[in-house]
Amino acid sequence: MSLTIGNQIKAARALAELSQAELAAAASVNVNTVRAMEGRGTGVLVSGLDTILRVQRALEAAGVEFIPENGGGAGVRLRKGPE
């Protein structure tokens, strides 16, 4: 598993068109947790692994794909829909 950073969470949430409150509800975390994660910017998230995974899974369920660091930088994108 690659490291998830705050900017990835923020970008993923924007792609999924979710508010912080909507993401928090989908991930069963407090909205302040989402705010704190996004506030880390380019820093590695310091939340518990379970919390990070819940937020990441909620975003993945909304159609977002997390792109690992592979020389080009970590990122996010929307999954391609069925053709």
PDB file of N, CA and C in Angstrom:
ATOM      1  N   MET A   1       0.841  -1.179   0.000  1.00  0.00           N
ATOM      2  CA  MET A   1       0.000   0.000   0.000  1.00  0.00           C
ATOM      3  C   MET A   1       0.882   1.236   0.000  1.00  0.00           C
ATOM      4  N   SER A   2       0.556   2.181  -0.867  1.00  0.00           N
ATOM      5  CA  SER A   2       1.338   3.405  -0.917  1.00  0.00           C
ATOM      6  C   SER A   2       0.856   4.368   0.168  1.00  0.00           C
ATOM      7  N   LEU A   3       1.664   5.357   0.450  1.00  0.00           N
ATOM      8  CA  LEU A   3       1.298   6.351   1.446  1.00  0.00           C
ATOM      9  C   LEU A   3       0.267   7.299   0.855  1.00  0.00           C
ATOM     10  N   THR A   4      -0.766   7.562   1.585  1.00  0.00           N
ATOM     11  CA  THR A   4      -1.789   8.506   1.153  1.00  0.00           C
ATOM     12  C   THR A   4      -1.496   9.850   1.796  1.00  0.00           C
ATOM     13  N   ILE A   5      -1.569  10.912   0.991  1.00  0.00           N
ATOM     14  CA  ILE A   5      -1.290  12.245   1.510  1.00  0.00           C
ATOM     15  C   ILE A   5      -2.558  13.088   1.484  1.00  0.00           C
ATOM     16  N   GLY A   6      -2.558  14.150   2.276  1.00  0.00           N
ATOM     17  CA  GLY A   6      -3.730  15.001   2.408  1.00  0.00           C
ATOM     18  C   GLY A   6      -4.237  15.563   1.097  1.00  0.00           C
ATOM     19  N   ASN A   7      -3.318  15.982   0.229  1.00  0.00           N
ATOM     20  CA  ASN A   7      -3.746  16.536  -1.052  1.00  0.00           C
ATOM     21  C   ASN A   7      -4.465  15.501  -1.906  1.00  0.00           C
ATOM     22  N   GLN A   8      -4.099  14.234  -1.781  1.00  0.00           N
ATOM     23  CA  GLN A   8      -4.809  13.183  -2.520  1.00  0.00           C
ATOM     24  C   GLN A   8      -6.253  13.080  -2.041  1.00  0.00           C
ATOM     25  N   ILE A   9      -6.452  13.131  -0.738  1.00  0.00           N
ATOM     26  CA  ILE A   9      -7.799  13.053  -0.180  1.00  0.00           C
ATOM     27  C   ILE A   9      -8.634  14.230  -0.680  1.00  0.00           C
ATOM     28  N   LYS A  10      -8.056  15.424  -0.626  1.00  0.00           N
ATOM     29  CA  LYS A  10      -8.777  16.626  -1.052  1.00  0.00           C
ATOM     30  C   LYS A  10      -9.118  16.563  -2.540  1.00  0.00           C
ATOM     31  N   ALA A  11      -8.149  16.165  -3.364  1.00  0.00           N
ATOM     32  CA  ALA A  11      -8.381  16.066  -4.810  1.00  0.00           C
ATOM     33  C   ALA A  11      -9.401  14.977  -5.125  1.00  0.00           C
ATOM     34  N   ALA A  12      -9.300  13.855  -4.438  1.00  0.00           N
ATOM     35  CA  ALA A  12     -10.233  12.750  -4.663  1.00  0.00           C
ATOM     36  C   ALA A  12     -11.650  13.168  -4.295  1.00  0.00           C
ATOM     37  N   ARG A  13     -11.783  13.884  -3.209  1.00  0.00           N
ATOM     38  CA  ARG A  13     -13.103  14.348  -2.784  1.00  0.00           C
ATOM     39  C   ARG A  13     -13.692  15.310  -3.812  1.00  0.00           C
ATOM     40  N   ALA A  14     -12.849  16.184  -4.359  1.00  0.00           N
ATOM     41  CA  ALA A  14     -13.321  17.118  -5.386  1.00  0.00           C
ATOM     42  C   ALA A  14     -13.767  16.368  -6.641  1.00  0.00           C
ATOM     43  N   LEU A  15     -12.988  15.373  -7.063  1.00  0.00           N
ATOM     44  CA  LEU A  15     -13.365  14.576  -8.236  1.00  0.00           C
ATOM     45  C   LEU A  15     -14.694  13.861  -8.027  1.00  0.00           C
ATOM     46  N   ALA A  16     -14.904  13.376  -6.823  1.00  0.00           N
ATOM     47  CA  ALA A  16     -16.133  12.648  -6.505  1.00  0.00           C
ATOM     48  C   ALA A  16     -17.307  13.591  -6.226  1.00  0.00           C
ATOM     49  N   GLU A  17     -17.018  14.891  -6.204  1.00  0.00           N
ATOM     50  CA  GLU A  17     -18.034  15.912  -5.937  1.00  0.00           C
ATOM     51  C   GLU A  17     -18.742  15.679  -4.599  1.00  0.00           C
ATOM     52  N   LEU A  18     -17.924  15.410  -3.581  1.00  0.00           N
ATOM     53  CA  LEU A  18     -18.430  15.200  -2.225  1.00  0.00           C
ATOM     54  C   LEU A  18     -18.000  16.360  -1.341  1.00  0.00           C
ATOM     55  N   SER A  19     -18.866  16.762  -0.433  1.00  0.00           N
ATOM     56  CA  SER A  19     -18.467  17.729   0.586  1.00  0.00           C
ATOM     57  C   SER A  19     -17.671  16.976   1.653  1.00  0.00           C
ATOM     58  N   GLN A  20     -17.009  17.720   2.514  1.00  0.00           N
ATOM     59  CA  GLN A  20     -16.295  17.070   3.609  1.00  0.00           C
ATOM     60  C   GLN A  20     -17.264  16.287   4.479  1.00  0.00           C
ATOM     61  N   ALA A  21     -18.439  16.847   4.719  1.00  0.00           N
ATOM     62  CA  ALA A  21     -19.437  16.166   5.552  1.00  0.00           C
ATOM     63  C   ALA A  21     -19.942  14.890   4.879  1.00  0.00           C
ATOM     64  N   GLU A  22     -20.142  14.930   3.572  1.00  0.00           N
ATOM     65  CA  GLU A  22     -20.605  13.739   2.850  1.00  0.00           C
ATOM     66  C   GLU A  22     -19.555  12.635   2.878  1.00  0.00           C
ATOM     67  N   LEU A  23     -18.284  13.018   2.691  1.00  0.00           N
ATOM     68  CA  LEU A  23     -17.212  12.023   2.751  1.00  0.00           C
ATOM     69  C   LEU A  23     -17.115  11.438   4.152  1.00  0.00           C
ATOM     70  N   ALA A  24     -17.190  12.290   5.154  1.00  0.00           N
ATOM     71  CA  ALA A  24     -17.118  11.817   6.538  1.00  0.00           C
ATOM     72  C   ALA A  24     -18.230  10.813   6.822  1.00  0.00           C
ATOM     73  N   ALA A  25     -19.433  11.117   6.370  1.00  0.00           N
ATOM     74  CA  ALA A  25     -20.561  10.205   6.590  1.00  0.00           C
ATOM     75  C   ALA A  25     -20.346   8.885   5.857  1.00  0.00           C
ATOM     76  N   ALA A  26     -19.864   8.949   4.623  1.00  0.00           N
ATOM     77  CA  ALA A  26     -19.637   7.733   3.838  1.00  0.00           C
ATOM     78  C   ALA A  26     -18.556   6.856   4.455  1.00  0.00           C
ATOM     79  N   ALA A  27     -17.575   7.490   5.107  1.00  0.00           N
ATOM     80  CA  ALA A  27     -16.462   6.757   5.709  1.00  0.00           C
ATOM     81  C   ALA A  27     -16.694   6.451   7.189  1.00  0.00           C
ATOM     82  N   SER A  28     -17.793   6.911   7.734  1.00  0.00           N
ATOM     83  CA  SER A  28     -18.096   6.741   9.167  1.00  0.00           C
ATOM     84  C   SER A  28     -16.997   7.317  10.054  1.00  0.00           C
ATOM     85  N   VAL A  29     -16.570   8.540   9.708  1.00  0.00           N
ATOM     86  CA  VAL A  29     -15.601   9.269  10.525  1.00  0.00           C
ATOM     87  C   VAL A  29     -16.168  10.657  10.793  1.00  0.00           C
ATOM     88  N   ASN A  30     -15.583  11.365  11.731  1.00  0.00           N
ATOM     89  CA  ASN A  30     -16.000  12.716  12.052  1.00  0.00           C
ATOM     90  C   ASN A  30     -15.529  13.665  10.959  1.00  0.00           C
ATOM     91  N   VAL A  31     -16.322  14.684  10.651  1.00  0.00           N
ATOM     92  CA  VAL A  31     -15.938  15.651   9.623  1.00  0.00           C
ATOM     93  C   VAL A  31     -14.620  16.340   9.979  1.00  0.00           C
ATOM     94  N   ASN A  32     -14.338  16.512  11.267  1.00  0.00           N
ATOM     95  CA  ASN A  32     -13.059  17.110  11.668  1.00  0.00           C
ATOM     96  C   ASN A  32     -11.881  16.225  11.277  1.00  0.00           C
ATOM     97  N   THR A  33     -12.098  14.923  11.207  1.00  0.00           N
ATOM     98  CA  THR A  33     -11.049  14.003  10.765  1.00  0.00           C
ATOM     99  C   THR A  33     -10.724  14.254   9.300  1.00  0.00           C
ATOM    100  N   VAL A  34     -11.749  14.424   8.477  1.00  0.00           N
ATOM    101  CA  VAL A  34     -11.531  14.715   7.052  1.00  0.00           C
ATOM    102  C   VAL A  34     -10.807  16.048   6.907  1.00  0.00           C
ATOM    103  N   ARG A  35     -11.236  17.053   7.655  1.00  0.00           N
ATOM    104  CA  ARG A  35     -10.575  18.366   7.602  1.00  0.00           C
ATOM    105  C   ARG A  35      -9.101  18.254   7.980  1.00  0.00           C
ATOM    106  N   ALA A  36      -8.822  17.496   9.032  1.00  0.00           N
ATOM    107  CA  ALA A  36      -7.436  17.333   9.481  1.00  0.00           C
ATOM    108  C   ALA A  36      -6.603  16.602   8.435  1.00  0.00           C
ATOM    109  N   MET A  37      -7.179  15.572   7.816  1.00  0.00           N
ATOM    110  CA  MET A  37      -6.453  14.833   6.779  1.00  0.00           C
ATOM    111  C   MET A  37      -6.111  15.762   5.614  1.00  0.00           C
ATOM    112  N   GLU A  38      -7.088  16.499   5.144  1.00  0.00           N
ATOM    113  CA  GLU A  38      -6.858  17.401   4.018  1.00  0.00           C
ATOM    114  C   GLU A  38      -5.880  18.505   4.392  1.00  0.00           C
ATOM    115  N   GLY A  39      -5.882  18.905   5.648  1.00  0.00           N
ATOM    116  CA  GLY A  39      -4.988  19.952   6.113  1.00  0.00           C
ATOM    117  C   GLY A  39      -3.525  19.547   6.136  1.00  0.00           C
ATOM    118  N   ARG A  40      -3.256  18.247   5.994  1.00  0.00           N
ATOM    119  CA  ARG A  40      -1.863  17.773   5.973  1.00  0.00           C
ATOM    120  C   ARG A  40      -1.172  18.136   4.669  1.00  0.00           C
ATOM    121  N   GLY A  41      -1.923  18.516   3.639  1.00  0.00           N
ATOM    122  CA  GLY A  41      -1.319  18.915   2.369  1.00  0.00           C
ATOM    123  C   GLY A  41      -0.465  17.819   1.777  1.00  0.00           C
ATOM    124  N   THR A  42       0.823  18.116   1.609  1.00  0.00           N
ATOM    125  CA  THR A  42       1.733  17.134   1.021  1.00  0.00           C
ATOM    126  C   THR A  42       2.356  16.222   2.063  1.00  0.00           C
ATOM    127  N   GLY A  43       1.973  16.395   3.315  1.00  0.00           N
ATOM    128  CA  GLY A  43       2.501  15.533   4.368  1.00  0.00           C
ATOM    129  C   GLY A  43       1.777  14.204   4.415  1.00  0.00           C
ATOM    130  N   VAL A  44       2.488  13.199   4.857  1.00  0.00           N
ATOM    131  CA  VAL A  44       1.892  11.873   5.023  1.00  0.00           C
ATOM    132  C   VAL A  44       0.859  11.947   6.139  1.00  0.00           C
ATOM    133  N   LEU A  45      -0.260  11.292   5.946  1.00  0.00           N
ATOM    134  CA  LEU A  45      -1.322  11.323   6.949  1.00  0.00           C
ATOM    135  C   LEU A  45      -0.884  10.632   8.231  1.00  0.00           C
ATOM    136  N   VAL A  46      -1.270  11.220   9.350  1.00  0.00           N
ATOM    137  CA  VAL A  46      -0.902  10.663  10.651  1.00  0.00           C
ATOM    138  C   VAL A  46      -2.087  10.009  11.349  1.00  0.00           C
ATOM    139  N   SER A  47      -3.239   9.995  10.693  1.00  0.00           N
ATOM    140  CA  SER A  47      -4.405   9.317  11.266  1.00  0.00           C
ATOM    141  C   SER A  47      -4.128   7.826  11.342  1.00  0.00           C
ATOM    142  N   GLY A  48      -4.919   7.132  12.141  1.00  0.00           N
ATOM    143  CA  GLY A  48      -4.775   5.687  12.237  1.00  0.00           C
ATOM    144  C   GLY A  48      -5.028   5.017  10.895  1.00  0.00           C
ATOM    145  N   LEU A  49      -4.379   3.902  10.664  1.00  0.00           N
ATOM    146  CA  LEU A  49      -4.499   3.183   9.399  1.00  0.00           C
ATOM    147  C   LEU A  49      -5.945   2.837   9.090  1.00  0.00           C
ATOM    148  N   ASP A  50      -6.703   2.408  10.089  1.00  0.00           N
ATOM    149  CA  ASP A  50      -8.104   2.057   9.867  1.00  0.00           C
ATOM    150  C   ASP A  50      -8.891   3.261   9.353  1.00  0.00           C
ATOM    151  N   THR A  51      -8.642   4.426   9.925  1.00  0.00           N
ATOM    152  CA  THR A  51      -9.337   5.645   9.509  1.00  0.00           C
ATOM    153  C   THR A  51      -8.967   6.022   8.085  1.00  0.00           C
ATOM    154  N   ILE A  52      -7.684   5.970   7.767  1.00  0.00           N
ATOM    155  CA  ILE A  52      -7.229   6.292   6.409  1.00  0.00           C
ATOM    156  C   ILE A  52      -7.869   5.342   5.405  1.00  0.00           C
ATOM    157  N   LEU A  53      -7.886   4.058   5.728  1.00  0.00           N
ATOM    158  CA  LEU A  53      -8.473   3.070   4.817  1.00  0.00           C
ATOM    159  C   LEU A  53      -9.968   3.291   4.636  1.00  0.00           C
ATOM    160  N   ARG A  54     -10.668   3.655   5.688  1.00  0.00           N
ATOM    161  CA  ARG A  54     -12.110   3.901   5.561  1.00  0.00           C
ATOM    162  C   ARG A  54     -12.384   5.078   4.635  1.00  0.00           C
ATOM    163  N   VAL A  55     -11.600   6.144   4.771  1.00  0.00           N
ATOM    164  CA  VAL A  55     -11.770   7.313   3.904  1.00  0.00           C
ATOM    165  C   VAL A  55     -11.401   6.951   2.465  1.00  0.00           C
ATOM    166  N   GLN A  56     -10.289   6.252   2.303  1.00  0.00           N
ATOM    167  CA  GLN A  56      -9.860   5.860   0.956  1.00  0.00           C
ATOM    168  C   GLN A  56     -10.898   4.944   0.303  1.00  0.00           C
ATOM    169  N   ARG A  57     -11.425   3.992   1.041  1.00  0.00           N
ATOM    170  CA  ARG A  57     -12.435   3.074   0.485  1.00  0.00           C
ATOM    171  C   ARG A  57     -13.721   3.806   0.120  1.00  0.00           C
ATOM    172  N   ALA A  58     -14.109   4.784   0.922  1.00  0.00           N
ATOM    173  CA  ALA A  58     -15.310   5.570   0.607  1.00  0.00           C
ATOM    174  C   ALA A  58     -15.117   6.339  -0.696  1.00  0.00           C
ATOM    175  N   LEU A  59     -13.924   6.869  -0.889  1.00  0.00           N
ATOM    176  CA  LEU A  59     -13.635   7.593  -2.127  1.00  0.00           C
ATOM    177  C   LEU A  59     -13.566   6.641  -3.317  1.00  0.00           C
ATOM    178  N   GLU A  60     -12.992   5.472  -3.109  1.00  0.00           N
ATOM    179  CA  GLU A  60     -12.947   4.469  -4.181  1.00  0.00           C
ATOM    180  C   GLU A  60     -14.359   4.020  -4.552  1.00  0.00           C
ATOM    181  N   ALA A  61     -15.231   3.884  -3.563  1.00  0.00           N
ATOM    182  CA  ALA A  61     -16.622   3.507  -3.831  1.00  0.00           C
ATOM    183  C   ALA A  61     -17.341   4.597  -4.623  1.00  0.00           C
ATOM    184  N   ALA A  62     -16.859   5.835  -4.514  1.00  0.00           N
ATOM    185  CA  ALA A  62     -17.436   6.960  -5.254  1.00  0.00           C
ATOM    186  C   ALA A  62     -16.831   7.086  -6.651  1.00  0.00           C
ATOM    187  N   GLY A  63     -15.945   6.151  -7.017  1.00  0.00           N
ATOM    188  CA  GLY A  63     -15.397   6.134  -8.367  1.00  0.00           C
ATOM    189  C   GLY A  63     -14.000   6.689  -8.530  1.00  0.00           C
ATOM    190  N   VAL A  64     -13.320   6.950  -7.424  1.00  0.00           N
ATOM    191  CA  VAL A  64     -11.971   7.512  -7.484  1.00  0.00           C
ATOM    192  C   VAL A  64     -10.937   6.398  -7.389  1.00  0.00           C
ATOM    193  N   GLU A  65      -9.879   6.530  -8.161  1.00  0.00           N
ATOM    194  CA  GLU A  65      -8.760   5.583  -8.124  1.00  0.00           C
ATOM    195  C   GLU A  65      -7.526   6.312  -7.603  1.00  0.00           C
ATOM    196  N   PHE A  66      -6.868   5.730  -6.623  1.00  0.00           N
ATOM    197  CA  PHE A  66      -5.636   6.307  -6.087  1.00  0.00           C
ATOM    198  C   PHE A  66      -4.462   5.798  -6.911  1.00  0.00           C
ATOM    199  N   ILE A  67      -3.608   6.718  -7.351  1.00  0.00           N
ATOM    200  CA  ILE A  67      -2.460   6.383  -8.186  1.00  0.00           C
ATOM    201  C   ILE A  67      -1.218   6.421  -7.299  1.00  0.00           C
ATOM    202  N   PRO A  68      -0.457   5.327  -7.245  1.00  0.00           N
ATOM    203  CA  PRO A  68       0.723   5.289  -6.375  1.00  0.00           C
ATOM    204  C   PRO A  68       1.861   6.160  -6.899  1.00  0.00           C
ATOM    205  N   GLU A  69       2.744   6.494  -5.994  1.00  0.00           N
ATOM    206  CA  GLU A  69       3.984   7.191  -6.347  1.00  0.00           C
ATOM    207  C   GLU A  69       4.815   6.241  -7.194  1.00  0.00           C
ATOM    208  N   ASN A  70       5.117   6.628  -8.401  1.00  0.00           N
ATOM    209  CA  ASN A  70       5.930   5.774  -9.275  1.00  0.00           C
ATOM    210  C   ASN A  70       6.854   6.621 -10.129  1.00  0.00           C
ATOM    211  N   GLY A  71       7.430   7.611  -9.511  1.00  0.00           N
ATOM    212  CA  GLY A  71       8.334   8.491 -10.228  1.00  0.00           C
ATOM    213  C   GLY A  71       7.645   9.743 -10.740  1.00  0.00           C
ATOM    214  N   GLY A  72       6.329   9.667 -10.928  1.00  0.00           N
ATOM    215  CA  GLY A  72       5.590  10.816 -11.428  1.00  0.00           C
ATOM    216  C   GLY A  72       4.790  11.512 -10.352  1.00  0.00           C
ATOM    217  N   GLY A  73       4.832  10.993  -9.157  1.00  0.00           N
ATOM    218  CA  GLY A  73       4.076  11.572  -8.056  1.00  0.00           C
ATOM    219  C   GLY A  73       2.758  10.859  -7.839  1.00  0.00           C
ATOM    220  N   ALA A  74       2.371  10.749  -6.599  1.00  0.00           N
ATOM    221  CA  ALA A  74       1.099  10.121  -6.245  1.00  0.00           C
ATOM    222  C   ALA A  74      -0.040  11.019  -6.698  1.00  0.00           C
ATOM    223  N   GLY A  75      -1.184  10.414  -6.982  1.00  0.00           N
ATOM    224  CA  GLY A  75      -2.319  11.210  -7.433  1.00  0.00           C
ATOM    225  C   GLY A  75      -3.617  10.447  -7.341  1.00  0.00           C
ATOM    226  N   VAL A  76      -4.643  11.006  -7.968  1.00  0.00           N
ATOM    227  CA  VAL A  76      -5.964  10.385  -8.027  1.00  0.00           C
ATOM    228  C   VAL A  76      -6.563  10.658  -9.398  1.00  0.00           C
ATOM    229  N   ARG A  77      -7.509   9.815  -9.780  1.00  0.00           N
ATOM    230  CA  ARG A  77      -8.254  10.027 -11.023  1.00  0.00           C
ATOM    231  C   ARG A  77      -9.585   9.301 -10.898  1.00  0.00           C
ATOM    232  N   LEU A  78     -10.522   9.679 -11.752  1.00  0.00           N
ATOM    233  CA  LEU A  78     -11.791   8.963 -11.799  1.00  0.00           C
ATOM    234  C   LEU A  78     -11.599   7.698 -12.604  1.00  0.00           C
ATOM    235  N   ARG A  79     -12.206   6.616 -12.135  1.00  0.00           N
ATOM    236  CA  ARG A  79     -12.161   5.370 -12.896  1.00  0.00           C
ATOM    237  C   ARG A  79     -12.976   5.544 -14.165  1.00  0.00           C
ATOM    238  N   LYS A  80     -12.527   4.930 -15.200  1.00  0.00           N
ATOM    239  CA  LYS A  80     -13.245   4.970 -16.469  1.00  0.00           C
ATOM    240  C   LYS A  80     -14.513   4.143 -16.331  1.00  0.00           C
ATOM    241  N   GLY A  81     -15.623   4.699 -16.747  1.00  0.00           N
ATOM    242  CA  GLY A  81     -16.897   3.999 -16.662  1.00  0.00           C
ATOM    243  C   GLY A  81     -17.016   2.942 -17.734  1.00  0.00           C
ATOM    244  N   PRO A  82     -18.040   2.121 -17.655  1.00  0.00           N
ATOM    245  CA  PRO A  82     -18.246   1.082 -18.672  1.00  0.00           C
ATOM    246  C   PRO A  82     -18.534   1.714 -20.027  1.00  0.00           C
ATOM    247  N   GLU A  83     -18.030   1.090 -21.050  1.00  0.00           N
ATOM    248  CA  GLU A  83     -18.216   1.630 -22.405  1.00  0.00           C
ATOM    249  C   GLU A  83     -19.382   1.009 -23.095  1.00  0.00           C
TER     250      GLU A  83
END
